[in-house]
């Protein structure tokens, strides 16, 4: 096997794996969206849905 073929095989193996790892890690940095049931709202202080009053 020549050096060029070996280098190409390594690059084609590593680059997609690195891309997948970056995408997997970057999703942790995104803010999660949360929806609450009807009649309740999200309270950022408690981190939970609380019933609406009124």
C-alpha atoms as a PDB file:
ATOM      1  CA  UNK A   1       0.000   0.000   0.000  1.00  0.00           C
ATOM      2  CA  UNK A   2       1.423   3.355  -0.920  1.00  0.00           C
ATOM      3  CA  UNK A   3       1.768   6.280   1.450  1.00  0.00           C
ATOM      4  CA  UNK A   4      -0.799   8.350  -0.503  1.00  0.00           C
ATOM      5  CA  UNK A   5      -3.390   5.584  -0.330  1.00  0.00           C
ATOM      6  CA  UNK A   6      -2.791   5.089   3.362  1.00  0.00           C
ATOM      7  CA  UNK A   7      -3.042   8.836   4.041  1.00  0.00           C
ATOM      8  CA  UNK A   8      -6.285   9.060   2.068  1.00  0.00           C
ATOM      9  CA  UNK A   9      -7.770   6.096   3.927  1.00  0.00           C
ATOM     10  CA  UNK A  10      -6.873   7.611   7.294  1.00  0.00           C
ATOM     11  CA  UNK A  11      -8.295  11.013   6.323  1.00  0.00           C
ATOM     12  CA  UNK A  12     -11.543   9.507   5.032  1.00  0.00           C
ATOM     13  CA  UNK A  13     -11.912   7.595   8.291  1.00  0.00           C
ATOM     14  CA  UNK A  14     -11.012  10.322  10.775  1.00  0.00           C
ATOM     15  CA  UNK A  15     -12.743  13.376   9.277  1.00  0.00           C
ATOM     16  CA  UNK A  16     -16.336  12.033   9.484  1.00  0.00           C
ATOM     17  CA  UNK A  17     -15.707  10.756  13.008  1.00  0.00           C
ATOM     18  CA  UNK A  18     -14.408  14.158  14.108  1.00  0.00           C
ATOM     19  CA  UNK A  19     -17.364  15.887  12.481  1.00  0.00           C
ATOM     20  CA  UNK A  20     -19.797  13.599  14.293  1.00  0.00           C
ATOM     21  CA  UNK A  21     -18.042  14.170  17.616  1.00  0.00           C
ATOM     22  CA  UNK A  22     -18.168  17.954  17.143  1.00  0.00           C
ATOM     23  CA  UNK A  23     -21.879  17.897  16.323  1.00  0.00           C
ATOM     24  CA  UNK A  24     -22.603  15.678  19.288  1.00  0.00           C
ATOM     25  CA  UNK A  25     -20.734  18.015  21.637  1.00  0.00           C
ATOM     26  CA  UNK A  26     -22.119  21.241  20.158  1.00  0.00           C
ATOM     27  CA  UNK A  27     -25.696  20.135  20.809  1.00  0.00           C
ATOM     28  CA  UNK A  28     -24.981  20.455  24.534  1.00  0.00           C
ATOM     29  CA  UNK A  29     -24.346  24.150  24.024  1.00  0.00           C
ATOM     30  CA  UNK A  30     -27.744  24.776  22.447  1.00  0.00           C
ATOM     31  CA  UNK A  31     -30.542  25.893  24.694  1.00  0.00           C
ATOM     32  CA  UNK A  32     -33.170  23.250  25.256  1.00  0.00           C
ATOM     33  CA  UNK A  33     -36.716  24.200  24.480  1.00  0.00           C
ATOM     34  CA  UNK A  34     -39.448  23.242  26.872  1.00  0.00           C
ATOM     35  CA  UNK A  35     -43.186  23.325  26.511  1.00  0.00           C
ATOM     36  CA  UNK A  36     -45.583  23.201  29.393  1.00  0.00           C
ATOM     37  CA  UNK A  37     -49.072  21.790  29.562  1.00  0.00           C
ATOM     38  CA  UNK A  38     -52.009  24.075  28.960  1.00  0.00           C
ATOM     39  CA  UNK A  39     -52.676  26.207  32.017  1.00  0.00           C
ATOM     40  CA  UNK A  40     -49.052  26.347  33.127  1.00  0.00           C
ATOM     41  CA  UNK A  41     -45.970  28.359  32.216  1.00  0.00           C
ATOM     42  CA  UNK A  42     -42.240  27.733  32.469  1.00  0.00           C
ATOM     43  CA  UNK A  43     -40.571  29.310  35.513  1.00  0.00           C
ATOM     44  CA  UNK A  44     -36.876  29.946  34.832  1.00  0.00           C
ATOM     45  CA  UNK A  45     -36.028  30.289  38.529  1.00  0.00           C
ATOM     46  CA  UNK A  46     -37.299  26.849  39.480  1.00  0.00           C
ATOM     47  CA  UNK A  47     -36.693  25.233  36.088  1.00  0.00           C
ATOM     48  CA  UNK A  48     -40.172  23.722  36.039  1.00  0.00           C
ATOM     49  CA  UNK A  49     -43.679  24.350  34.807  1.00  0.00           C
ATOM     50  CA  UNK A  50     -45.912  26.132  37.293  1.00  0.00           C
ATOM     51  CA  UNK A  51     -49.678  26.596  37.106  1.00  0.00           C
ATOM     52  CA  UNK A  52     -50.891  29.999  36.010  1.00  0.00           C
ATOM     53  CA  UNK A  53     -53.006  31.999  38.388  1.00  0.00           C
ATOM     54  CA  UNK A  54     -55.966  34.131  37.486  1.00  0.00           C
END
